[in-house]
C-alpha cells in the first residue's frame, strides 16, 4: 500500500475555503476512486494547517486515478464559477509496511 500526504499551510479565509473545497469538491470526487483504500482530511485550526492523507492499494492505483480525479475537481469548480484552488505546501509518499485494521 501507498500513503500520500499533502500539507496545506493556510490562515483565516484561505483555511476556511480549503475546508469547503475538500468537503464540497474533493471528497465527492474521490468517493469510489479505483484503488483508494481510505482517505482522511484533517485540520489544525490553531496552527493553520490542513492535511490530506490517502491510502492507496499501490503506486499504480495513484498514478491511474489522479489525472481523472483532478480533472473532475476542476470541472466541479468551473461549474460553480470558482477559480483554481491553491496547491499544497508540500507532498510526500510513503510505502505502508505495517498496519492495524
PDB file of N, CA and C in Angstrom:
ATOM      1  N   UNK A   1       0.839  -1.184   0.000  1.00  0.00           N
ATOM      2  CA  UNK A   1       0.000   0.000   0.000  1.00  0.00           C
ATOM      3  C   UNK A   1       0.881   1.244   0.000  1.00  0.00           C
ATOM      4  N   UNK A   2       0.310   2.319  -0.503  1.00  0.00           N
ATOM      5  CA  UNK A   2       0.991   3.604  -0.559  1.00  0.00           C
ATOM      6  C   UNK A   2       0.147   4.625   0.191  1.00  0.00           C
ATOM      7  N   UNK A   3       0.775   5.435   1.027  1.00  0.00           N
ATOM      8  CA  UNK A   3       0.116   6.516   1.747  1.00  0.00           C
ATOM      9  C   UNK A   3       0.640   7.830   1.186  1.00  0.00           C
ATOM     10  N   UNK A   4      -0.267   8.710   0.807  1.00  0.00           N
ATOM     11  CA  UNK A   4       0.139  10.024   0.317  1.00  0.00           C
ATOM     12  C   UNK A   4      -0.329  11.084   1.309  1.00  0.00           C
ATOM     13  N   UNK A   5       0.502  12.104   1.498  1.00  0.00           N
ATOM     14  CA  UNK A   5       0.188  13.202   2.413  1.00  0.00           C
ATOM     15  C   UNK A   5       0.423  14.517   1.679  1.00  0.00           C
ATOM     16  N   UNK A   6      -0.589  15.365   1.663  1.00  0.00           N
ATOM     17  CA  UNK A   6      -0.451  16.721   1.123  1.00  0.00           C
ATOM     18  C   UNK A   6      -0.695  17.686   2.272  1.00  0.00           C
ATOM     19  N   UNK A   7       0.208  18.628   2.453  1.00  0.00           N
ATOM     20  CA  UNK A   7       0.127  19.608   3.536  1.00  0.00           C
ATOM     21  C   UNK A   7      -0.229  20.964   2.957  1.00  0.00           C
ATOM     22  N   UNK A   8      -1.155  21.642   3.602  1.00  0.00           N
ATOM     23  CA  UNK A   8      -1.588  22.972   3.187  1.00  0.00           C
ATOM     24  C   UNK A   8      -1.433  23.910   4.375  1.00  0.00           C
ATOM     25  N   UNK A   9      -0.565  24.919   4.265  1.00  0.00           N
ATOM     26  CA  UNK A   9      -0.402  25.928   5.306  1.00  0.00           C
ATOM     27  C   UNK A   9      -1.216  27.149   4.899  1.00  0.00           C
ATOM     28  N   UNK A  10      -2.266  27.436   5.678  1.00  0.00           N
ATOM     29  CA  UNK A  10      -3.216  28.494   5.337  1.00  0.00           C
ATOM     30  C   UNK A  10      -3.663  29.194   6.614  1.00  0.00           C
ATOM     31  N   UNK A  11      -4.310  30.333   6.440  1.00  0.00           N
ATOM     32  CA  UNK A  11      -4.860  31.026   7.604  1.00  0.00           C
ATOM     33  C   UNK A  11      -6.166  31.705   7.227  1.00  0.00           C
ATOM     34  N   UNK A  12      -6.977  31.974   8.226  1.00  0.00           N
ATOM     35  CA  UNK A  12      -8.216  32.725   8.046  1.00  0.00           C
ATOM     36  C   UNK A  12      -9.094  32.222   6.926  1.00  0.00           C
ATOM     37  N   UNK A  13      -9.458  33.134   6.004  1.00  0.00           N
ATOM     38  CA  UNK A  13     -10.359  32.766   4.909  1.00  0.00           C
ATOM     39  C   UNK A  13      -9.798  31.664   4.002  1.00  0.00           C
ATOM     40  N   UNK A  14      -8.477  31.629   3.805  1.00  0.00           N
ATOM     41  CA  UNK A  14      -7.876  30.573   2.978  1.00  0.00           C
ATOM     42  C   UNK A  14      -8.122  29.197   3.598  1.00  0.00           C
ATOM     43  N   UNK A  15      -7.965  29.113   4.912  1.00  0.00           N
ATOM     44  CA  UNK A  15      -8.174  27.848   5.607  1.00  0.00           C
ATOM     45  C   UNK A  15      -9.628  27.414   5.485  1.00  0.00           C
ATOM     46  N   UNK A  16     -10.546  28.336   5.697  1.00  0.00           N
ATOM     47  CA  UNK A  16     -11.970  28.004   5.602  1.00  0.00           C
ATOM     48  C   UNK A  16     -12.355  27.620   4.165  1.00  0.00           C
ATOM     49  N   UNK A  17     -11.786  28.289   3.177  1.00  0.00           N
ATOM     50  CA  UNK A  17     -12.050  27.938   1.781  1.00  0.00           C
ATOM     51  C   UNK A  17     -11.481  26.559   1.467  1.00  0.00           C
ATOM     52  N   UNK A  18     -10.330  26.244   2.025  1.00  0.00           N
ATOM     53  CA  UNK A  18      -9.748  24.921   1.826  1.00  0.00           C
ATOM     54  C   UNK A  18     -10.631  23.824   2.393  1.00  0.00           C
ATOM     55  N   UNK A  19     -11.198  24.067   3.552  1.00  0.00           N
ATOM     56  CA  UNK A  19     -12.105  23.095   4.175  1.00  0.00           C
ATOM     57  C   UNK A  19     -13.357  22.936   3.325  1.00  0.00           C
ATOM     58  N   UNK A  20     -13.913  24.044   2.850  1.00  0.00           N
ATOM     59  CA  UNK A  20     -15.097  23.991   1.998  1.00  0.00           C
ATOM     60  C   UNK A  20     -14.779  23.232   0.715  1.00  0.00           C
ATOM     61  N   UNK A  21     -13.650  23.550   0.116  1.00  0.00           N
ATOM     62  CA  UNK A  21     -13.205  22.902  -1.115  1.00  0.00           C
ATOM     63  C   UNK A  21     -13.149  21.385  -0.942  1.00  0.00           C
ATOM     64  N   UNK A  22     -12.542  20.933   0.124  1.00  0.00           N
ATOM     65  CA  UNK A  22     -12.439  19.490   0.360  1.00  0.00           C
ATOM     66  C   UNK A  22     -13.819  18.880   0.567  1.00  0.00           C
ATOM     67  N   UNK A  23     -14.619  19.496   1.428  1.00  0.00           N
ATOM     68  CA  UNK A  23     -15.941  18.939   1.752  1.00  0.00           C
ATOM     69  C   UNK A  23     -16.862  18.864   0.544  1.00  0.00           C
ATOM     70  N   UNK A  24     -16.863  19.908  -0.272  1.00  0.00           N
ATOM     71  CA  UNK A  24     -17.816  20.008  -1.368  1.00  0.00           C
ATOM     72  C   UNK A  24     -17.302  19.529  -2.716  1.00  0.00           C
ATOM     73  N   UNK A  25     -15.988  19.499  -2.898  1.00  0.00           N
ATOM     74  CA  UNK A  25     -15.434  19.180  -4.214  1.00  0.00           C
ATOM     75  C   UNK A  25     -14.528  17.954  -4.216  1.00  0.00           C
ATOM     76  N   UNK A  26     -13.620  17.881  -3.260  1.00  0.00           N
ATOM     77  CA  UNK A  26     -12.634  16.800  -3.256  1.00  0.00           C
ATOM     78  C   UNK A  26     -13.247  15.473  -2.805  1.00  0.00           C
ATOM     79  N   UNK A  27     -13.895  15.473  -1.643  1.00  0.00           N
ATOM     80  CA  UNK A  27     -14.446  14.225  -1.117  1.00  0.00           C
ATOM     81  C   UNK A  27     -15.442  13.593  -2.090  1.00  0.00           C
ATOM     82  N   UNK A  28     -16.389  14.360  -2.655  1.00  0.00           N
ATOM     83  CA  UNK A  28     -17.287  13.730  -3.631  1.00  0.00           C
ATOM     84  C   UNK A  28     -16.551  13.155  -4.852  1.00  0.00           C
ATOM     85  N   UNK A  29     -15.506  13.834  -5.308  1.00  0.00           N
ATOM     86  CA  UNK A  29     -14.757  13.349  -6.469  1.00  0.00           C
ATOM     87  C   UNK A  29     -13.995  12.063  -6.138  1.00  0.00           C
ATOM     88  N   UNK A  30     -13.429  11.975  -4.950  1.00  0.00           N
ATOM     89  CA  UNK A  30     -12.614  10.819  -4.575  1.00  0.00           C
ATOM     90  C   UNK A  30     -13.446   9.633  -4.125  1.00  0.00           C
ATOM     91  N   UNK A  31     -14.703   9.846  -3.770  1.00  0.00           N
ATOM     92  CA  UNK A  31     -15.555   8.746  -3.325  1.00  0.00           C
ATOM     93  C   UNK A  31     -15.641   7.678  -4.400  1.00  0.00           C
ATOM     94  N   UNK A  32     -15.288   6.476  -4.063  1.00  0.00           N
ATOM     95  CA  UNK A  32     -15.346   5.373  -5.010  1.00  0.00           C
ATOM     96  C   UNK A  32     -14.195   5.300  -5.993  1.00  0.00           C
ATOM     97  N   UNK A  33     -13.147   6.101  -5.789  1.00  0.00           N
ATOM     98  CA  UNK A  33     -11.997   6.064  -6.705  1.00  0.00           C
ATOM     99  C   UNK A  33     -11.357   4.679  -6.694  1.00  0.00           C
ATOM    100  N   UNK A  34     -11.098   4.163  -7.863  1.00  0.00           N
ATOM    101  CA  UNK A  34     -10.480   2.845  -8.013  1.00  0.00           C
ATOM    102  C   UNK A  34      -9.108   2.837  -7.345  1.00  0.00           C
ATOM    103  N   UNK A  35      -8.894   1.900  -6.437  1.00  0.00           N
ATOM    104  CA  UNK A  35      -7.601   1.752  -5.779  1.00  0.00           C
ATOM    105  C   UNK A  35      -7.442   2.560  -4.503  1.00  0.00           C
ATOM    106  N   UNK A  36      -8.408   3.417  -4.170  1.00  0.00           N
ATOM    107  CA  UNK A  36      -8.326   4.204  -2.935  1.00  0.00           C
ATOM    108  C   UNK A  36      -8.852   3.346  -1.789  1.00  0.00           C
ATOM    109  N   UNK A  37      -8.001   3.077  -0.809  1.00  0.00           N
ATOM    110  CA  UNK A  37      -8.368   2.262   0.342  1.00  0.00           C
ATOM    111  C   UNK A  37      -9.096   3.116   1.375  1.00  0.00           C
ATOM    112  N   UNK A  38      -8.540   4.295   1.685  1.00  0.00           N
ATOM    113  CA  UNK A  38      -9.166   5.218   2.632  1.00  0.00           C
ATOM    114  C   UNK A  38      -8.578   6.609   2.456  1.00  0.00           C
ATOM    115  N   UNK A  39      -9.318   7.595   2.920  1.00  0.00           N
ATOM    116  CA  UNK A  39      -8.852   8.976   2.843  1.00  0.00           C
ATOM    117  C   UNK A  39      -9.257   9.734   4.091  1.00  0.00           C
ATOM    118  N   UNK A  40      -8.375  10.617   4.530  1.00  0.00           N
ATOM    119  CA  UNK A  40      -8.618  11.437   5.711  1.00  0.00           C
ATOM    120  C   UNK A  40      -8.189  12.864   5.400  1.00  0.00           C
ATOM    121  N   UNK A  41      -9.032  13.805   5.741  1.00  0.00           N
ATOM    122  CA  UNK A  41      -8.725  15.215   5.563  1.00  0.00           C
ATOM    123  C   UNK A  41      -8.860  15.840   6.936  1.00  0.00           C
ATOM    124  N   UNK A  42      -7.768  16.359   7.452  1.00  0.00           N
ATOM    125  CA  UNK A  42      -7.734  16.836   8.833  1.00  0.00           C
ATOM    126  C   UNK A  42      -7.264  18.288   8.871  1.00  0.00           C
ATOM    127  N   UNK A  43      -7.627  18.980   9.952  1.00  0.00           N
ATOM    128  CA  UNK A  43      -7.257  20.383  10.083  1.00  0.00           C
ATOM    129  C   UNK A  43      -6.769  20.680  11.499  1.00  0.00           C
ATOM    130  N   UNK A  44      -5.752  21.510  11.593  1.00  0.00           N
ATOM    131  CA  UNK A  44      -5.264  22.086  12.847  1.00  0.00           C
ATOM    132  C   UNK A  44      -5.529  23.580  12.730  1.00  0.00           C
ATOM    133  N   UNK A  45      -6.684  24.012  13.192  1.00  0.00           N
ATOM    134  CA  UNK A  45      -7.086  25.417  13.041  1.00  0.00           C
ATOM    135  C   UNK A  45      -6.158  26.361  13.797  1.00  0.00           C
ATOM    136  N   UNK A  46      -5.663  25.929  14.956  1.00  0.00           N
ATOM    137  CA  UNK A  46      -4.796  26.807  15.758  1.00  0.00           C
ATOM    138  C   UNK A  46      -3.504  27.152  15.035  1.00  0.00           C
ATOM    139  N   UNK A  47      -2.995  26.217  14.238  1.00  0.00           N
ATOM    140  CA  UNK A  47      -1.725  26.442  13.546  1.00  0.00           C
ATOM    141  C   UNK A  47      -1.882  26.642  12.048  1.00  0.00           C
ATOM    142  N   UNK A  48      -3.129  26.716  11.546  1.00  0.00           N
ATOM    143  CA  UNK A  48      -3.360  26.994  10.133  1.00  0.00           C
ATOM    144  C   UNK A  48      -2.811  25.944   9.191  1.00  0.00           C
ATOM    145  N   UNK A  49      -3.112  24.699   9.482  1.00  0.00           N
ATOM    146  CA  UNK A  49      -2.582  23.617   8.647  1.00  0.00           C
ATOM    147  C   UNK A  49      -3.663  22.577   8.388  1.00  0.00           C
ATOM    148  N   UNK A  50      -3.743  22.163   7.115  1.00  0.00           N
ATOM    149  CA  UNK A  50      -4.608  21.051   6.713  1.00  0.00           C
ATOM    150  C   UNK A  50      -3.740  19.951   6.136  1.00  0.00           C
ATOM    151  N   UNK A  51      -4.184  18.716   6.328  1.00  0.00           N
ATOM    152  CA  UNK A  51      -3.519  17.572   5.722  1.00  0.00           C
ATOM    153  C   UNK A  51      -4.542  16.743   4.967  1.00  0.00           C
ATOM    154  N   UNK A  52      -4.151  16.270   3.820  1.00  0.00           N
ATOM    155  CA  UNK A  52      -4.914  15.272   3.077  1.00  0.00           C
ATOM    156  C   UNK A  52      -4.087  14.001   3.114  1.00  0.00           C
ATOM    157  N   UNK A  53      -4.636  12.961   3.708  1.00  0.00           N
ATOM    158  CA  UNK A  53      -3.925  11.697   3.862  1.00  0.00           C
ATOM    159  C   UNK A  53      -4.750  10.618   3.172  1.00  0.00           C
ATOM    160  N   UNK A  54      -4.152   9.974   2.196  1.00  0.00           N
ATOM    161  CA  UNK A  54      -4.868   8.941   1.461  1.00  0.00           C
ATOM    162  C   UNK A  54      -4.036   7.671   1.393  1.00  0.00           C
ATOM    163  N   UNK A  55      -4.726   6.549   1.555  1.00  0.00           N
ATOM    164  CA  UNK A  55      -4.088   5.240   1.456  1.00  0.00           C
ATOM    165  C   UNK A  55      -4.576   4.597   0.166  1.00  0.00           C
ATOM    166  N   UNK A  56      -3.638   4.204  -0.667  1.00  0.00           N
ATOM    167  CA  UNK A  56      -3.931   3.605  -1.973  1.00  0.00           C
ATOM    168  C   UNK A  56      -3.461   2.167  -2.007  1.00  0.00           C
ATOM    169  N   UNK A  57      -4.092   1.367  -2.829  1.00  0.00           N
ATOM    170  CA  UNK A  57      -3.735  -0.040  -2.992  1.00  0.00           C
ATOM    171  C   UNK A  57      -2.253  -0.179  -3.364  1.00  0.00           C
ATOM    172  N   UNK A  58      -1.803   0.634  -4.323  1.00  0.00           N
ATOM    173  CA  UNK A  58      -0.407   0.603  -4.755  1.00  0.00           C
ATOM    174  C   UNK A  58      -0.106   1.867  -5.562  1.00  0.00           C
ATOM    175  N   UNK A  59       1.141   2.035  -5.939  1.00  0.00           N
ATOM    176  CA  UNK A  59       1.557   3.232  -6.678  1.00  0.00           C
ATOM    177  C   UNK A  59       0.872   3.334  -8.031  1.00  0.00           C
ATOM    178  N   UNK A  60       0.609   2.202  -8.663  1.00  0.00           N
ATOM    179  CA  UNK A  60      -0.082   2.228  -9.955  1.00  0.00           C
ATOM    180  C   UNK A  60      -1.490   2.788  -9.818  1.00  0.00           C
ATOM    181  N   UNK A  61      -2.164   2.484  -8.705  1.00  0.00           N
ATOM    182  CA  UNK A  61      -3.517   2.996  -8.479  1.00  0.00           C
ATOM    183  C   UNK A  61      -3.500   4.520  -8.354  1.00  0.00           C
ATOM    184  N   UNK A  62      -2.504   5.053  -7.658  1.00  0.00           N
ATOM    185  CA  UNK A  62      -2.375   6.509  -7.521  1.00  0.00           C
ATOM    186  C   UNK A  62      -2.192   7.128  -8.900  1.00  0.00           C
ATOM    187  N   UNK A  63      -1.256   6.610  -9.652  1.00  0.00           N
ATOM    188  CA  UNK A  63      -0.946   7.159 -10.971  1.00  0.00           C
ATOM    189  C   UNK A  63      -2.128   7.069 -11.925  1.00  0.00           C
ATOM    190  N   UNK A  64      -2.879   5.976 -11.844  1.00  0.00           N
ATOM    191  CA  UNK A  64      -4.019   5.795 -12.748  1.00  0.00           C
ATOM    192  C   UNK A  64      -5.193   6.694 -12.375  1.00  0.00           C
ATOM    193  N   UNK A  65      -5.426   6.898 -11.093  1.00  0.00           N
ATOM    194  CA  UNK A  65      -6.619   7.625 -10.644  1.00  0.00           C
ATOM    195  C   UNK A  65      -6.470   9.137 -10.650  1.00  0.00           C
ATOM    196  N   UNK A  66      -5.312   9.648 -10.315  1.00  0.00           N
ATOM    197  CA  UNK A  66      -5.171  11.087 -10.068  1.00  0.00           C
ATOM    198  C   UNK A  66      -5.510  12.002 -11.250  1.00  0.00           C
ATOM    199  N   UNK A  67      -5.091  11.723 -12.465  1.00  0.00           N
ATOM    200  CA  UNK A  67      -5.434  12.649 -13.555  1.00  0.00           C
ATOM    201  C   UNK A  67      -6.950  12.842 -13.718  1.00  0.00           C
ATOM    202  N   UNK A  68      -7.705  11.766 -13.683  1.00  0.00           N
ATOM    203  CA  UNK A  68      -9.159  11.874 -13.838  1.00  0.00           C
ATOM    204  C   UNK A  68      -9.786  12.572 -12.633  1.00  0.00           C
ATOM    205  N   UNK A  69      -9.282  12.300 -11.443  1.00  0.00           N
ATOM    206  CA  UNK A  69      -9.819  12.947 -10.245  1.00  0.00           C
ATOM    207  C   UNK A  69      -9.567  14.445 -10.267  1.00  0.00           C
ATOM    208  N   UNK A  70      -8.366  14.848 -10.652  1.00  0.00           N
ATOM    209  CA  UNK A  70      -8.057  16.279 -10.727  1.00  0.00           C
ATOM    210  C   UNK A  70      -8.910  16.972 -11.792  1.00  0.00           C
ATOM    211  N   UNK A  71      -9.140  16.303 -12.902  1.00  0.00           N
ATOM    212  CA  UNK A  71      -9.993  16.870 -13.956  1.00  0.00           C
ATOM    213  C   UNK A  71     -11.428  17.009 -13.465  1.00  0.00           C
ATOM    214  N   UNK A  72     -11.909  16.025 -12.715  1.00  0.00           N
ATOM    215  CA  UNK A  72     -13.270  16.087 -12.182  1.00  0.00           C
ATOM    216  C   UNK A  72     -13.426  17.244 -11.199  1.00  0.00           C
ATOM    217  N   UNK A  73     -12.452  17.435 -10.332  1.00  0.00           N
ATOM    218  CA  UNK A  73     -12.493  18.546  -9.372  1.00  0.00           C
ATOM    219  C   UNK A  73     -12.465  19.874 -10.116  1.00  0.00           C
ATOM    220  N   UNK A  74     -11.645  19.977 -11.142  1.00  0.00           N
ATOM    221  CA  UNK A  74     -11.579  21.200 -11.940  1.00  0.00           C
ATOM    222  C   UNK A  74     -12.942  21.498 -12.572  1.00  0.00           C
ATOM    223  N   UNK A  75     -13.602  20.491 -13.100  1.00  0.00           N
ATOM    224  CA  UNK A  75     -14.931  20.672 -13.699  1.00  0.00           C
ATOM    225  C   UNK A  75     -15.942  21.154 -12.669  1.00  0.00           C
ATOM    226  N   UNK A  76     -15.902  20.568 -11.463  1.00  0.00           N
ATOM    227  CA  UNK A  76     -16.813  20.977 -10.392  1.00  0.00           C
ATOM    228  C   UNK A  76     -16.597  22.446 -10.055  1.00  0.00           C
ATOM    229  N   UNK A  77     -15.333  22.847  -9.936  1.00  0.00           N
ATOM    230  CA  UNK A  77     -15.017  24.239  -9.581  1.00  0.00           C
ATOM    231  C   UNK A  77     -15.456  25.198 -10.688  1.00  0.00           C
ATOM    232  N   UNK A  78     -15.182  24.832 -11.929  1.00  0.00           N
ATOM    233  CA  UNK A  78     -15.557  25.705 -13.044  1.00  0.00           C
ATOM    234  C   UNK A  78     -17.069  25.850 -13.145  1.00  0.00           C
ATOM    235  N   UNK A  79     -17.800  24.761 -12.933  1.00  0.00           N
ATOM    236  CA  UNK A  79     -19.268  24.811 -12.988  1.00  0.00           C
ATOM    237  C   UNK A  79     -19.824  25.724 -11.903  1.00  0.00           C
ATOM    238  N   UNK A  80     -19.111  25.826 -10.775  1.00  0.00           N
ATOM    239  CA  UNK A  80     -19.540  26.683  -9.669  1.00  0.00           C
ATOM    240  C   UNK A  80     -19.001  28.109  -9.804  1.00  0.00           C
ATOM    241  N   UNK A  81     -18.249  28.374 -10.879  1.00  0.00           N
ATOM    242  CA  UNK A  81     -17.691  29.714 -11.082  1.00  0.00           C
ATOM    243  C   UNK A  81     -16.500  30.031 -10.190  1.00  0.00           C
ATOM    244  N   UNK A  82     -15.793  29.002  -9.743  1.00  0.00           N
ATOM    245  CA  UNK A  82     -14.626  29.211  -8.884  1.00  0.00           C
ATOM    246  C   UNK A  82     -13.349  29.045  -9.699  1.00  0.00           C
ATOM    247  N   UNK A  83     -12.328  29.782  -9.301  1.00  0.00           N
ATOM    248  CA  UNK A  83     -11.025  29.656  -9.940  1.00  0.00           C
ATOM    249  C   UNK A  83     -10.253  28.476  -9.392  1.00  0.00           C
ATOM    250  N   UNK A  84      -9.008  28.414  -9.741  1.00  0.00           N
ATOM    251  CA  UNK A  84      -8.151  27.319  -9.304  1.00  0.00           C
ATOM    252  C   UNK A  84      -7.891  27.417  -7.807  1.00  0.00           C
ATOM    253  N   UNK A  85      -7.934  26.293  -7.130  1.00  0.00           N
ATOM    254  CA  UNK A  85      -7.637  26.217  -5.705  1.00  0.00           C
ATOM    255  C   UNK A  85      -6.124  26.141  -5.525  1.00  0.00           C
ATOM    256  N   UNK A  86      -5.611  26.785  -4.486  1.00  0.00           N
ATOM    257  CA  UNK A  86      -4.172  26.755  -4.210  1.00  0.00           C
ATOM    258  C   UNK A  86      -3.707  25.324  -3.960  1.00  0.00           C
ATOM    259  N   UNK A  87      -2.532  25.017  -4.447  1.00  0.00           N
ATOM    260  CA  UNK A  87      -1.961  23.685  -4.268  1.00  0.00           C
ATOM    261  C   UNK A  87      -1.335  23.513  -2.901  1.00  0.00           C
ATOM    262  N   UNK A  88      -0.873  22.314  -2.614  1.00  0.00           N
ATOM    263  CA  UNK A  88      -0.282  22.036  -1.305  1.00  0.00           C
ATOM    264  C   UNK A  88       1.066  22.715  -1.114  1.00  0.00           C
ATOM    265  N   UNK A  89       1.397  22.948   0.152  1.00  0.00           N
ATOM    266  CA  UNK A  89       2.706  23.470   0.531  1.00  0.00           C
ATOM    267  C   UNK A  89       3.773  22.404   0.324  1.00  0.00           C
ATOM    268  N   UNK A  90       3.392  21.156   0.625  1.00  0.00           N
ATOM    269  CA  UNK A  90       4.312  20.038   0.426  1.00  0.00           C
ATOM    270  C   UNK A  90       3.512  18.757   0.212  1.00  0.00           C
ATOM    271  N   UNK A  91       4.164  17.794  -0.410  1.00  0.00           N
ATOM    272  CA  UNK A  91       3.566  16.479  -0.607  1.00  0.00           C
ATOM    273  C   UNK A  91       4.603  15.413  -0.269  1.00  0.00           C
ATOM    274  N   UNK A  92       4.112  14.250   0.126  1.00  0.00           N
ATOM    275  CA  UNK A  92       5.012  13.138   0.431  1.00  0.00           C
ATOM    276  C   UNK A  92       4.285  11.835   0.112  1.00  0.00           C
ATOM    277  N   UNK A  93       5.065  10.825  -0.170  1.00  0.00           N
ATOM    278  CA  UNK A  93       4.529   9.497  -0.473  1.00  0.00           C
ATOM    279  C   UNK A  93       5.327   8.488   0.342  1.00  0.00           C
ATOM    280  N   UNK A  94       4.598   7.576   0.983  1.00  0.00           N
ATOM    281  CA  UNK A  94       5.230   6.570   1.830  1.00  0.00           C
ATOM    282  C   UNK A  94       4.713   5.190   1.462  1.00  0.00           C
ATOM    283  N   UNK A  95       5.578   4.207   1.591  1.00  0.00           N
ATOM    284  CA  UNK A  95       5.161   2.813   1.461  1.00  0.00           C
ATOM    285  C   UNK A  95       4.688   2.354   2.832  1.00  0.00           C
ATOM    286  N   UNK A  96       3.505   1.769   2.903  1.00  0.00           N
ATOM    287  CA  UNK A  96       2.974   1.236   4.149  1.00  0.00           C
ATOM    288  C   UNK A  96       3.572  -0.149   4.335  1.00  0.00           C
ATOM    289  N   UNK A  97       4.291  -0.354   5.436  1.00  0.00           N
ATOM    290  CA  UNK A  97       4.893  -1.672   5.677  1.00  0.00           C
ATOM    291  C   UNK A  97       4.244  -2.419   6.821  1.00  0.00           C
ATOM    292  N   UNK A  98       3.375  -1.748   7.597  1.00  0.00           N
ATOM    293  CA  UNK A  98       2.636  -2.404   8.668  1.00  0.00           C
ATOM    294  C   UNK A  98       1.380  -1.581   8.943  1.00  0.00           C
ATOM    295  N   UNK A  99       0.307  -2.247   9.384  1.00  0.00           N
ATOM    296  CA  UNK A  99      -0.919  -1.526   9.698  1.00  0.00           C
ATOM    297  C   UNK A  99      -1.780  -2.342  10.654  1.00  0.00           C
ATOM    298  N   UNK A 100      -2.770  -1.686  11.230  1.00  0.00           N
ATOM    299  CA  UNK A 100      -3.788  -2.326  12.051  1.00  0.00           C
ATOM    300  C   UNK A 100      -5.126  -2.110  11.389  1.00  0.00           C
ATOM    301  N   UNK A 101      -6.082  -3.002  11.608  1.00  0.00           N
ATOM    302  CA  UNK A 101      -7.402  -2.812  10.960  1.00  0.00           C
ATOM    303  C   UNK A 101      -8.083  -1.526  11.378  1.00  0.00           C
TER     304      UNK A 101
END
